[in-house]
């Protein structure tokens, strides 16, 4: 499967996105990369992390109740957008994954406790 067309990307943008924050794994060339899933829809997701795949690379995105093949459609070094090859049920995935605490808020709370 090739890189998605502009029309594919425009269609993907029309789908409802659900902002979230849970842990996942991106598999690229059989190598796992831990990520934070920042938002998800039935046709794609935005993930954050280090050493992310580049535009055009095929990946597998894993989390609780989620195992989906996709293609990276954009990448800026700290985040990337993934277009899924098959639609998913995003709310089921969100409900199955624990929300990660905000690291900055957690750090402030620990500092305030002394």
PDB file of N, CA and C in Angstrom:
ATOM      1  N   UNK A   1       0.857  -1.178   0.000  1.00  0.00           N
ATOM      2  CA  UNK A   1       0.000   0.000   0.000  1.00  0.00           C
ATOM      3  C   UNK A   1       0.895   1.230   0.000  1.00  0.00           C
ATOM      4  N   UNK A   2       0.591   2.206  -0.855  1.00  0.00           N
ATOM      5  CA  UNK A   2       1.411   3.404  -0.985  1.00  0.00           C
ATOM      6  C   UNK A   2       1.056   4.480   0.022  1.00  0.00           C
ATOM      7  N   UNK A   3       1.715   5.602  -0.123  1.00  0.00           N
ATOM      8  CA  UNK A   3       1.455   6.756   0.729  1.00  0.00           C
ATOM      9  C   UNK A   3       0.077   7.320   0.389  1.00  0.00           C
ATOM     10  N   UNK A   4      -0.721   7.685   1.411  1.00  0.00           N
ATOM     11  CA  UNK A   4      -2.069   8.199   1.140  1.00  0.00           C
ATOM     12  C   UNK A   4      -2.047   9.472   0.301  1.00  0.00           C
ATOM     13  N   UNK A   5      -3.112   9.675  -0.462  1.00  0.00           N
ATOM     14  CA  UNK A   5      -3.239  10.872  -1.282  1.00  0.00           C
ATOM     15  C   UNK A   5      -3.805  12.017  -0.438  1.00  0.00           C
ATOM     16  N   UNK A   6      -3.767  13.230  -0.996  1.00  0.00           N
ATOM     17  CA  UNK A   6      -4.346  14.390  -0.320  1.00  0.00           C
ATOM     18  C   UNK A   6      -5.826  14.138  -0.037  1.00  0.00           C
ATOM     19  N   UNK A   7      -6.520  13.526  -0.968  1.00  0.00           N
ATOM     20  CA  UNK A   7      -7.948  13.223  -0.775  1.00  0.00           C
ATOM     21  C   UNK A   7      -8.135  12.291   0.421  1.00  0.00           C
ATOM     22  N   UNK A   8      -7.257  11.285   0.562  1.00  0.00           N
ATOM     23  CA  UNK A   8      -7.330  10.379   1.714  1.00  0.00           C
ATOM     24  C   UNK A   8      -7.158  11.156   3.012  1.00  0.00           C
ATOM     25  N   UNK A   9      -6.184  12.067   3.044  1.00  0.00           N
ATOM     26  CA  UNK A   9      -5.918  12.851   4.250  1.00  0.00           C
ATOM     27  C   UNK A   9      -7.083  13.774   4.579  1.00  0.00           C
ATOM     28  N   UNK A  10      -7.696  14.373   3.565  1.00  0.00           N
ATOM     29  CA  UNK A  10      -8.837  15.250   3.796  1.00  0.00           C
ATOM     30  C   UNK A  10     -10.007  14.458   4.372  1.00  0.00           C
ATOM     31  N   UNK A  11     -10.221  13.265   3.886  1.00  0.00           N
ATOM     32  CA  UNK A  11     -11.283  12.415   4.416  1.00  0.00           C
ATOM     33  C   UNK A  11     -10.986  12.039   5.859  1.00  0.00           C
ATOM     34  N   UNK A  12      -9.743  11.707   6.151  1.00  0.00           N
ATOM     35  CA  UNK A  12      -9.354  11.323   7.505  1.00  0.00           C
ATOM     36  C   UNK A  12      -9.606  12.459   8.484  1.00  0.00           C
ATOM     37  N   UNK A  13      -9.371  13.691   8.067  1.00  0.00           N
ATOM     38  CA  UNK A  13      -9.576  14.853   8.934  1.00  0.00           C
ATOM     39  C   UNK A  13     -11.038  15.061   9.286  1.00  0.00           C
ATOM     40  N   UNK A  14     -11.949  14.558   8.486  1.00  0.00           N
ATOM     41  CA  UNK A  14     -13.371  14.742   8.750  1.00  0.00           C
ATOM     42  C   UNK A  14     -13.874  13.841   9.871  1.00  0.00           C
ATOM     43  N   UNK A  15     -13.155  12.808  10.186  1.00  0.00           N
ATOM     44  CA  UNK A  15     -13.590  11.883  11.234  1.00  0.00           C
ATOM     45  C   UNK A  15     -13.380  12.503  12.617  1.00  0.00           C
ATOM     46  N   UNK A  16     -14.280  12.191  13.547  1.00  0.00           N
ATOM     47  CA  UNK A  16     -14.192  12.691  14.917  1.00  0.00           C
ATOM     48  C   UNK A  16     -12.908  12.217  15.576  1.00  0.00           C
ATOM     49  N   UNK A  17     -12.150  13.162  16.128  1.00  0.00           N
ATOM     50  CA  UNK A  17     -10.937  12.826  16.865  1.00  0.00           C
ATOM     51  C   UNK A  17     -11.230  12.887  18.351  1.00  0.00           C
ATOM     52  N   UNK A  18     -10.611  11.985  19.092  1.00  0.00           N
ATOM     53  CA  UNK A  18     -10.797  11.944  20.534  1.00  0.00           C
ATOM     54  C   UNK A  18      -9.450  12.229  21.188  1.00  0.00           C
ATOM     55  N   UNK A  19      -9.310  13.421  21.810  1.00  0.00           N
ATOM     56  CA  UNK A  19      -8.057  13.715  22.491  1.00  0.00           C
ATOM     57  C   UNK A  19      -7.887  12.733  23.653  1.00  0.00           C
ATOM     58  N   UNK A  20      -6.711  12.233  23.810  1.00  0.00           N
ATOM     59  CA  UNK A  20      -6.464  11.269  24.868  1.00  0.00           C
ATOM     60  C   UNK A  20      -5.007  11.332  25.273  1.00  0.00           C
ATOM     61  N   UNK A  21      -4.610  10.439  26.095  1.00  0.00           N
ATOM     62  CA  UNK A  21      -3.233  10.390  26.559  1.00  0.00           C
ATOM     63  C   UNK A  21      -3.001   9.039  27.218  1.00  0.00           C
ATOM     64  N   UNK A  22      -2.669   8.051  26.397  1.00  0.00           N
ATOM     65  CA  UNK A  22      -2.375   6.741  26.966  1.00  0.00           C
ATOM     66  C   UNK A  22      -1.181   6.126  26.260  1.00  0.00           C
ATOM     67  N   UNK A  23      -0.584   5.152  26.929  1.00  0.00           N
ATOM     68  CA  UNK A  23       0.640   4.531  26.427  1.00  0.00           C
ATOM     69  C   UNK A  23       0.336   3.547  25.304  1.00  0.00           C
ATOM     70  N   UNK A  24       1.227   3.506  24.346  1.00  0.00           N
ATOM     71  CA  UNK A  24       1.129   2.557  23.250  1.00  0.00           C
ATOM     72  C   UNK A  24       2.519   2.200  22.767  1.00  0.00           C
ATOM     73  N   UNK A  25       2.558   1.395  21.741  1.00  0.00           N
ATOM     74  CA  UNK A  25       3.826   0.987  21.134  1.00  0.00           C
ATOM     75  C   UNK A  25       3.669   1.042  19.629  1.00  0.00           C
ATOM     76  N   UNK A  26       4.658   1.627  18.977  1.00  0.00           N
ATOM     77  CA  UNK A  26       4.716   1.621  17.522  1.00  0.00           C
ATOM     78  C   UNK A  26       5.804   0.623  17.137  1.00  0.00           C
ATOM     79  N   UNK A  27       5.453  -0.326  16.292  1.00  0.00           N
ATOM     80  CA  UNK A  27       6.419  -1.309  15.798  1.00  0.00           C
ATOM     81  C   UNK A  27       6.842  -0.875  14.398  1.00  0.00           C
ATOM     82  N   UNK A  28       8.157  -0.667  14.225  1.00  0.00           N
ATOM     83  CA  UNK A  28       8.721  -0.293  12.932  1.00  0.00           C
ATOM     84  C   UNK A  28       9.864  -1.261  12.649  1.00  0.00           C
ATOM     85  N   UNK A  29       9.785  -1.969  11.543  1.00  0.00           N
ATOM     86  CA  UNK A  29      10.825  -2.957  11.190  1.00  0.00           C
ATOM     87  C   UNK A  29      11.108  -3.913  12.349  1.00  0.00           C
ATOM     88  N   UNK A  30      10.025  -4.393  12.970  1.00  0.00           N
ATOM     89  CA  UNK A  30      10.102  -5.335  14.096  1.00  0.00           C
ATOM     90  C   UNK A  30      10.725  -4.740  15.358  1.00  0.00           C
ATOM     91  N   UNK A  31      10.941  -3.436  15.394  1.00  0.00           N
ATOM     92  CA  UNK A  31      11.492  -2.776  16.595  1.00  0.00           C
ATOM     93  C   UNK A  31      10.384  -1.995  17.293  1.00  0.00           C
ATOM     94  N   UNK A  32      10.176  -2.252  18.608  1.00  0.00           N
ATOM     95  CA  UNK A  32       9.146  -1.513  19.339  1.00  0.00           C
ATOM     96  C   UNK A  32       9.650  -0.139  19.797  1.00  0.00           C
ATOM     97  N   UNK A  33       8.768   0.848  19.719  1.00  0.00           N
ATOM     98  CA  UNK A  33       9.059   2.200  20.184  1.00  0.00           C
ATOM     99  C   UNK A  33       7.901   2.624  21.090  1.00  0.00           C
ATOM    100  N   UNK A  34       8.167   2.909  22.371  1.00  0.00           N
ATOM    101  CA  UNK A  34       7.079   3.360  23.239  1.00  0.00           C
ATOM    102  C   UNK A  34       6.603   4.746  22.801  1.00  0.00           C
ATOM    103  N   UNK A  35       5.293   4.951  22.826  1.00  0.00           N
ATOM    104  CA  UNK A  35       4.706   6.231  22.434  1.00  0.00           C
ATOM    105  C   UNK A  35       3.577   6.584  23.389  1.00  0.00           C
ATOM    106  N   UNK A  36       3.174   7.836  23.310  1.00  0.00           N
ATOM    107  CA  UNK A  36       1.968   8.307  23.969  1.00  0.00           C
ATOM    108  C   UNK A  36       0.975   8.608  22.861  1.00  0.00           C
ATOM    109  N   UNK A  37      -0.206   8.038  22.939  1.00  0.00           N
ATOM    110  CA  UNK A  37      -1.226   8.294  21.926  1.00  0.00           C
ATOM    111  C   UNK A  37      -1.965   9.560  22.341  1.00  0.00           C
ATOM    112  N   UNK A  38      -1.803  10.611  21.528  1.00  0.00           N
ATOM    113  CA  UNK A  38      -2.329  11.939  21.862  1.00  0.00           C
ATOM    114  C   UNK A  38      -3.768  12.128  21.414  1.00  0.00           C
ATOM    115  N   UNK A  39      -4.124  11.557  20.276  1.00  0.00           N
ATOM    116  CA  UNK A  39      -5.522  11.547  19.849  1.00  0.00           C
ATOM    117  C   UNK A  39      -5.727  10.367  18.921  1.00  0.00           C
ATOM    118  N   UNK A  40      -7.005  10.000  18.787  1.00  0.00           N
ATOM    119  CA  UNK A  40      -7.320   8.827  17.980  1.00  0.00           C
ATOM    120  C   UNK A  40      -8.688   9.026  17.338  1.00  0.00           C
ATOM    121  N   UNK A  41      -8.833   8.488  16.141  1.00  0.00           N
ATOM    122  CA  UNK A  41     -10.118   8.492  15.440  1.00  0.00           C
ATOM    123  C   UNK A  41     -10.302   7.106  14.847  1.00  0.00           C
ATOM    124  N   UNK A  42     -11.378   6.918  14.106  1.00  0.00           N
ATOM    125  CA  UNK A  42     -11.593   5.598  13.513  1.00  0.00           C
ATOM    126  C   UNK A  42     -10.607   5.317  12.381  1.00  0.00           C
ATOM    127  N   UNK A  43      -9.959   6.349  11.844  1.00  0.00           N
ATOM    128  CA  UNK A  43      -9.052   6.156  10.711  1.00  0.00           C
ATOM    129  C   UNK A  43      -7.595   6.523  10.984  1.00  0.00           C
ATOM    130  N   UNK A  44      -7.272   6.979  12.201  1.00  0.00           N
ATOM    131  CA  UNK A  44      -5.884   7.350  12.452  1.00  0.00           C
ATOM    132  C   UNK A  44      -5.636   7.796  13.869  1.00  0.00           C
ATOM    133  N   UNK A  45      -4.378   8.176  14.119  1.00  0.00           N
ATOM    134  CA  UNK A  45      -3.977   8.619  15.442  1.00  0.00           C
ATOM    135  C   UNK A  45      -2.771   9.544  15.337  1.00  0.00           C
ATOM    136  N   UNK A  46      -2.602  10.348  16.375  1.00  0.00           N
ATOM    137  CA  UNK A  46      -1.392  11.148  16.544  1.00  0.00           C
ATOM    138  C   UNK A  46      -0.664  10.572  17.745  1.00  0.00           C
ATOM    139  N   UNK A  47       0.611  10.279  17.574  1.00  0.00           N
ATOM    140  CA  UNK A  47       1.407   9.746  18.677  1.00  0.00           C
ATOM    141  C   UNK A  47       2.605  10.645  18.931  1.00  0.00           C
ATOM    142  N   UNK A  48       3.093  10.619  20.176  1.00  0.00           N
ATOM    143  CA  UNK A  48       4.273  11.391  20.571  1.00  0.00           C
ATOM    144  C   UNK A  48       5.319  10.435  21.112  1.00  0.00           C
ATOM    145  N   UNK A  49       6.578  10.794  20.897  1.00  0.00           N
ATOM    146  CA  UNK A  49       7.661   9.972  21.406  1.00  0.00           C
ATOM    147  C   UNK A  49       8.984  10.383  20.798  1.00  0.00           C
ATOM    148  N   UNK A  50       9.987   9.547  21.007  1.00  0.00           N
ATOM    149  CA  UNK A  50      11.302   9.792  20.436  1.00  0.00           C
ATOM    150  C   UNK A  50      11.589   8.712  19.402  1.00  0.00           C
ATOM    151  N   UNK A  51      12.465   9.031  18.465  1.00  0.00           N
ATOM    152  CA  UNK A  51      12.854   8.080  17.418  1.00  0.00           C
ATOM    153  C   UNK A  51      11.628   7.532  16.686  1.00  0.00           C
ATOM    154  N   UNK A  52      10.732   8.453  16.310  1.00  0.00           N
ATOM    155  CA  UNK A  52       9.495   8.060  15.630  1.00  0.00           C
ATOM    156  C   UNK A  52       9.751   7.743  14.160  1.00  0.00           C
ATOM    157  N   UNK A  53       8.865   6.948  13.565  1.00  0.00           N
ATOM    158  CA  UNK A  53       9.028   6.630  12.141  1.00  0.00           C
ATOM    159  C   UNK A  53       8.832   7.870  11.264  1.00  0.00           C
ATOM    160  N   UNK A  54       9.341   7.792  10.075  1.00  0.00           N
ATOM    161  CA  UNK A  54       9.265   8.894   9.099  1.00  0.00           C
ATOM    162  C   UNK A  54       8.028   8.747   8.219  1.00  0.00           C
ATOM    163  N   UNK A  55       7.684   9.822   7.562  1.00  0.00           N
ATOM    164  CA  UNK A  55       6.547   9.841   6.636  1.00  0.00           C
ATOM    165  C   UNK A  55       6.714   8.726   5.594  1.00  0.00           C
ATOM    166  N   UNK A  56       5.627   8.001   5.368  1.00  0.00           N
ATOM    167  CA  UNK A  56       5.630   6.925   4.377  1.00  0.00           C
ATOM    168  C   UNK A  56       5.940   5.552   4.942  1.00  0.00           C
ATOM    169  N   UNK A  57       6.448   5.473   6.176  1.00  0.00           N
ATOM    170  CA  UNK A  57       6.769   4.166   6.749  1.00  0.00           C
ATOM    171  C   UNK A  57       5.499   3.458   7.219  1.00  0.00           C
ATOM    172  N   UNK A  58       5.461   2.152   7.011  1.00  0.00           N
ATOM    173  CA  UNK A  58       4.359   1.338   7.495  1.00  0.00           C
ATOM    174  C   UNK A  58       4.686   0.881   8.911  1.00  0.00           C
ATOM    175  N   UNK A  59       3.693   0.951   9.799  1.00  0.00           N
ATOM    176  CA  UNK A  59       3.904   0.616  11.206  1.00  0.00           C
ATOM    177  C   UNK A  59       2.759  -0.264  11.705  1.00  0.00           C
ATOM    178  N   UNK A  60       2.946  -0.788  12.907  1.00  0.00           N
ATOM    179  CA  UNK A  60       1.866  -1.416  13.660  1.00  0.00           C
ATOM    180  C   UNK A  60       1.754  -0.623  14.959  1.00  0.00           C
ATOM    181  N   UNK A  61       0.540  -0.191  15.297  1.00  0.00           N
ATOM    182  CA  UNK A  61       0.286   0.547  16.533  1.00  0.00           C
ATOM    183  C   UNK A  61      -0.423  -0.389  17.494  1.00  0.00           C
ATOM    184  N   UNK A  62       0.137  -0.510  18.707  1.00  0.00           N
ATOM    185  CA  UNK A  62      -0.405  -1.409  19.718  1.00  0.00           C
ATOM    186  C   UNK A  62      -0.763  -0.657  20.992  1.00  0.00           C
ATOM    187  N   UNK A  63      -1.839  -1.068  21.632  1.00  0.00           N
ATOM    188  CA  UNK A  63      -2.242  -0.629  22.970  1.00  0.00           C
ATOM    189  C   UNK A  63      -3.307  -1.635  23.412  1.00  0.00           C
ATOM    190  N   UNK A  64      -3.901  -1.428  24.582  1.00  0.00           N
ATOM    191  CA  UNK A  64      -4.989  -2.312  25.006  1.00  0.00           C
ATOM    192  C   UNK A  64      -6.125  -2.213  23.992  1.00  0.00           C
ATOM    193  N   UNK A  65      -6.631  -3.340  23.545  1.00  0.00           N
ATOM    194  CA  UNK A  65      -7.728  -3.393  22.568  1.00  0.00           C
ATOM    195  C   UNK A  65      -7.385  -2.739  21.231  1.00  0.00           C
ATOM    196  N   UNK A  66      -6.096  -2.630  20.920  1.00  0.00           N
ATOM    197  CA  UNK A  66      -5.701  -2.000  19.656  1.00  0.00           C
ATOM    198  C   UNK A  66      -4.481  -2.706  19.081  1.00  0.00           C
ATOM    199  N   UNK A  67      -4.618  -3.169  17.870  1.00  0.00           N
ATOM    200  CA  UNK A  67      -3.508  -3.691  17.072  1.00  0.00           C
ATOM    201  C   UNK A  67      -3.889  -3.382  15.636  1.00  0.00           C
ATOM    202  N   UNK A  68      -3.261  -2.338  15.083  1.00  0.00           N
ATOM    203  CA  UNK A  68      -3.670  -1.863  13.772  1.00  0.00           C
ATOM    204  C   UNK A  68      -2.443  -1.496  12.940  1.00  0.00           C
ATOM    205  N   UNK A  69      -2.501  -1.835  11.663  1.00  0.00           N
ATOM    206  CA  UNK A  69      -1.446  -1.471  10.720  1.00  0.00           C
ATOM    207  C   UNK A  69      -1.792  -0.108  10.146  1.00  0.00           C
ATOM    208  N   UNK A  70      -0.775   0.717   9.951  1.00  0.00           N
ATOM    209  CA  UNK A  70      -1.006   2.035   9.390  1.00  0.00           C
ATOM    210  C   UNK A  70       0.218   2.560   8.679  1.00  0.00           C
ATOM    211  N   UNK A  71       0.058   3.727   8.096  1.00  0.00           N
ATOM    212  CA  UNK A  71       1.150   4.418   7.411  1.00  0.00           C
ATOM    213  C   UNK A  71       1.316   5.792   8.030  1.00  0.00           C
ATOM    214  N   UNK A  72       2.561   6.186   8.269  1.00  0.00           N
ATOM    215  CA  UNK A  72       2.847   7.511   8.806  1.00  0.00           C
ATOM    216  C   UNK A  72       2.614   8.527   7.685  1.00  0.00           C
ATOM    217  N   UNK A  73       1.748   9.510   7.952  1.00  0.00           N
ATOM    218  CA  UNK A  73       1.423  10.510   6.935  1.00  0.00           C
ATOM    219  C   UNK A  73       2.122  11.843   7.187  1.00  0.00           C
ATOM    220  N   UNK A  74       2.605  12.066   8.412  1.00  0.00           N
ATOM    221  CA  UNK A  74       3.422  13.236   8.712  1.00  0.00           C
ATOM    222  C   UNK A  74       4.229  12.944   9.965  1.00  0.00           C
ATOM    223  N   UNK A  75       5.357  13.619  10.096  1.00  0.00           N
ATOM    224  CA  UNK A  75       6.215  13.452  11.262  1.00  0.00           C
ATOM    225  C   UNK A  75       7.019  14.725  11.456  1.00  0.00           C
ATOM    226  N   UNK A  76       7.090  15.197  12.699  1.00  0.00           N
ATOM    227  CA  UNK A  76       7.865  16.412  12.970  1.00  0.00           C
ATOM    228  C   UNK A  76       8.996  16.185  13.970  1.00  0.00           C
ATOM    229  N   UNK A  77       9.313  14.935  14.248  1.00  0.00           N
ATOM    230  CA  UNK A  77      10.405  14.633  15.156  1.00  0.00           C
ATOM    231  C   UNK A  77       9.938  14.232  16.547  1.00  0.00           C
ATOM    232  N   UNK A  78       8.912  14.900  17.082  1.00  0.00           N
ATOM    233  CA  UNK A  78       8.391  14.552  18.408  1.00  0.00           C
ATOM    234  C   UNK A  78       6.985  13.969  18.340  1.00  0.00           C
ATOM    235  N   UNK A  79       6.315  14.136  17.210  1.00  0.00           N
ATOM    236  CA  UNK A  79       4.967  13.600  16.999  1.00  0.00           C
ATOM    237  C   UNK A  79       4.863  13.076  15.573  1.00  0.00           C
ATOM    238  N   UNK A  80       3.907  12.176  15.369  1.00  0.00           N
ATOM    239  CA  UNK A  80       3.630  11.759  13.996  1.00  0.00           C
ATOM    240  C   UNK A  80       2.168  11.364  13.879  1.00  0.00           C
ATOM    241  N   UNK A  81       1.648  11.500  12.672  1.00  0.00           N
ATOM    242  CA  UNK A  81       0.274  11.135  12.368  1.00  0.00           C
ATOM    243  C   UNK A  81       0.244   9.832  11.614  1.00  0.00           C
ATOM    244  N   UNK A  82      -0.643   8.959  12.021  1.00  0.00           N
ATOM    245  CA  UNK A  82      -0.745   7.635  11.423  1.00  0.00           C
ATOM    246  C   UNK A  82      -2.129   7.467  10.806  1.00  0.00           C
ATOM    247  N   UNK A  83      -2.172   7.022   9.570  1.00  0.00           N
ATOM    248  CA  UNK A  83      -3.419   6.700   8.884  1.00  0.00           C
ATOM    249  C   UNK A  83      -3.576   5.181   8.926  1.00  0.00           C
ATOM    250  N   UNK A  84      -4.644   4.703   9.561  1.00  0.00           N
ATOM    251  CA  UNK A  84      -4.876   3.265   9.682  1.00  0.00           C
ATOM    252  C   UNK A  84      -5.310   2.676   8.343  1.00  0.00           C
ATOM    253  N   UNK A  85      -4.895   1.446   8.092  1.00  0.00           N
ATOM    254  CA  UNK A  85      -5.294   0.761   6.869  1.00  0.00           C
ATOM    255  C   UNK A  85      -6.734   0.269   6.947  1.00  0.00           C
ATOM    256  N   UNK A  86      -7.233   0.001   8.171  1.00  0.00           N
ATOM    257  CA  UNK A  86      -8.622  -0.410   8.382  1.00  0.00           C
ATOM    258  C   UNK A  86      -9.182   0.408   9.539  1.00  0.00           C
ATOM    259  N   UNK A  87     -10.453   0.803   9.454  1.00  0.00           N
ATOM    260  CA  UNK A  87     -11.058   1.580  10.542  1.00  0.00           C
ATOM    261  C   UNK A  87     -11.136   0.781  11.846  1.00  0.00           C
ATOM    262  N   UNK A  88     -11.117   1.506  12.958  1.00  0.00           N
ATOM    263  CA  UNK A  88     -11.238   0.908  14.289  1.00  0.00           C
ATOM    264  C   UNK A  88     -12.394   1.572  15.025  1.00  0.00           C
ATOM    265  N   UNK A  89     -12.686   1.086  16.228  1.00  0.00           N
ATOM    266  CA  UNK A  89     -13.681   1.698  17.116  1.00  0.00           C
ATOM    267  C   UNK A  89     -12.919   2.499  18.171  1.00  0.00           C
ATOM    268  N   UNK A  90     -12.676   3.792  17.948  1.00  0.00           N
ATOM    269  CA  UNK A  90     -11.798   4.560  18.835  1.00  0.00           C
ATOM    270  C   UNK A  90     -12.280   4.661  20.273  1.00  0.00           C
ATOM    271  N   UNK A  91     -13.582   4.774  20.502  1.00  0.00           N
ATOM    272  CA  UNK A  91     -14.052   4.902  21.889  1.00  0.00           C
ATOM    273  C   UNK A  91     -13.803   3.637  22.696  1.00  0.00           C
ATOM    274  N   UNK A  92     -13.877   2.481  22.063  1.00  0.00           N
ATOM    275  CA  UNK A  92     -13.572   1.229  22.753  1.00  0.00           C
ATOM    276  C   UNK A  92     -12.105   1.204  23.170  1.00  0.00           C
ATOM    277  N   UNK A  93     -11.245   1.708  22.303  1.00  0.00           N
ATOM    278  CA  UNK A  93      -9.811   1.760  22.615  1.00  0.00           C
ATOM    279  C   UNK A  93      -9.559   2.737  23.759  1.00  0.00           C
ATOM    280  N   UNK A  94     -10.157   3.920  23.692  1.00  0.00           N
ATOM    281  CA  UNK A  94      -9.963   4.931  24.738  1.00  0.00           C
ATOM    282  C   UNK A  94     -10.430   4.386  26.090  1.00  0.00           C
ATOM    283  N   UNK A  95     -11.586   3.740  26.109  1.00  0.00           N
ATOM    284  CA  UNK A  95     -12.127   3.195  27.370  1.00  0.00           C
ATOM    285  C   UNK A  95     -11.248   2.094  27.956  1.00  0.00           C
ATOM    286  N   UNK A  96     -10.508   1.385  27.125  1.00  0.00           N
ATOM    287  CA  UNK A  96      -9.691   0.253  27.576  1.00  0.00           C
ATOM    288  C   UNK A  96      -8.307   0.650  28.065  1.00  0.00           C
ATOM    289  N   UNK A  97      -7.907   1.905  27.848  1.00  0.00           N
ATOM    290  CA  UNK A  97      -6.546   2.326  28.180  1.00  0.00           C
ATOM    291  C   UNK A  97      -6.547   3.378  29.274  1.00  0.00           C
ATOM    292  N   UNK A  98      -5.712   3.187  30.301  1.00  0.00           N
ATOM    293  CA  UNK A  98      -5.651   4.175  31.379  1.00  0.00           C
ATOM    294  C   UNK A  98      -5.005   5.470  30.898  1.00  0.00           C
ATOM    295  N   UNK A  99      -5.599   6.570  31.297  1.00  0.00           N
ATOM    296  CA  UNK A  99      -5.098   7.905  30.966  1.00  0.00           C
ATOM    297  C   UNK A  99      -3.797   8.140  31.713  1.00  0.00           C
ATOM    298  N   UNK A 100      -2.762   8.579  31.006  1.00  0.00           N
ATOM    299  CA  UNK A 100      -1.476   8.868  31.645  1.00  0.00           C
ATOM    300  C   UNK A 100      -1.561  10.198  32.384  1.00  0.00           C
ATOM    301  N   UNK A 101      -0.999  10.289  33.598  1.00  0.00           N
ATOM    302  CA  UNK A 101      -1.011  11.577  34.296  1.00  0.00           C
ATOM    303  C   UNK A 101      -0.126  12.586  33.577  1.00  0.00           C
ATOM    304  N   UNK A 102      -0.459  13.859  33.737  1.00  0.00           N
ATOM    305  CA  UNK A 102       0.368  14.926  33.183  1.00  0.00           C
ATOM    306  C   UNK A 102       1.653  14.972  33.992  1.00  0.00           C
ATOM    307  N   UNK A 103       2.772  14.700  33.349  1.00  0.00           N
ATOM    308  CA  UNK A 103       4.054  14.645  34.066  1.00  0.00           C
ATOM    309  C   UNK A 103       4.389  15.967  34.742  1.00  0.00           C
ATOM    310  N   UNK A 104       4.060  17.092  34.097  1.00  0.00           N
ATOM    311  CA  UNK A 104       4.354  18.402  34.694  1.00  0.00           C
ATOM    312  C   UNK A 104       3.523  18.624  35.952  1.00  0.00           C
ATOM    313  N   UNK A 105       2.244  18.286  35.901  1.00  0.00           N
ATOM    314  CA  UNK A 105       1.374  18.436  37.070  1.00  0.00           C
ATOM    315  C   UNK A 105       1.837  17.526  38.187  1.00  0.00           C
ATOM    316  N   UNK A 106       2.211  16.292  37.849  1.00  0.00           N
ATOM    317  CA  UNK A 106       2.688  15.346  38.846  1.00  0.00           C
ATOM    318  C   UNK A 106       3.963  15.851  39.504  1.00  0.00           C
ATOM    319  N   UNK A 107       4.882  16.378  38.713  1.00  0.00           N
ATOM    320  CA  UNK A 107       6.143  16.905  39.256  1.00  0.00           C
ATOM    321  C   UNK A 107       5.862  18.066  40.200  1.00  0.00           C
ATOM    322  N   UNK A 108       4.949  18.980  39.811  1.00  0.00           N
ATOM    323  CA  UNK A 108       4.600  20.111  40.675  1.00  0.00           C
ATOM    324  C   UNK A 108       3.986  19.635  41.984  1.00  0.00           C
ATOM    325  N   UNK A 109       3.110  18.628  41.917  1.00  0.00           N
ATOM    326  CA  UNK A 109       2.464  18.125  43.121  1.00  0.00           C
ATOM    327  C   UNK A 109       3.479  17.518  44.075  1.00  0.00           C
ATOM    328  N   UNK A 110       4.425  16.777  43.566  1.00  0.00           N
ATOM    329  CA  UNK A 110       5.474  16.178  44.410  1.00  0.00           C
ATOM    330  C   UNK A 110       6.331  17.270  45.031  1.00  0.00           C
ATOM    331  N   UNK A 111       6.676  18.293  44.255  1.00  0.00           N
ATOM    332  CA  UNK A 111       7.496  19.403  44.759  1.00  0.00           C
ATOM    333  C   UNK A 111       6.763  20.168  45.859  1.00  0.00           C
ATOM    334  N   UNK A 112       5.452  20.328  45.719  1.00  0.00           N
ATOM    335  CA  UNK A 112       4.677  21.064  46.718  1.00  0.00           C
ATOM    336  C   UNK A 112       4.572  20.298  48.027  1.00  0.00           C
ATOM    337  N   UNK A 113       4.592  18.960  47.960  1.00  0.00           N
ATOM    338  CA  UNK A 113       4.521  18.149  49.170  1.00  0.00           C
ATOM    339  C   UNK A 113       5.797  18.225  49.973  1.00  0.00           C
ATOM    340  N   UNK A 114       6.884  18.557  49.276  1.00  0.00           N
ATOM    341  CA  UNK A 114       8.172  18.730  49.941  1.00  0.00           C
ATOM    342  C   UNK A 114       8.866  17.481  50.137  1.00  0.00           C
TER     343      UNK A 114
END
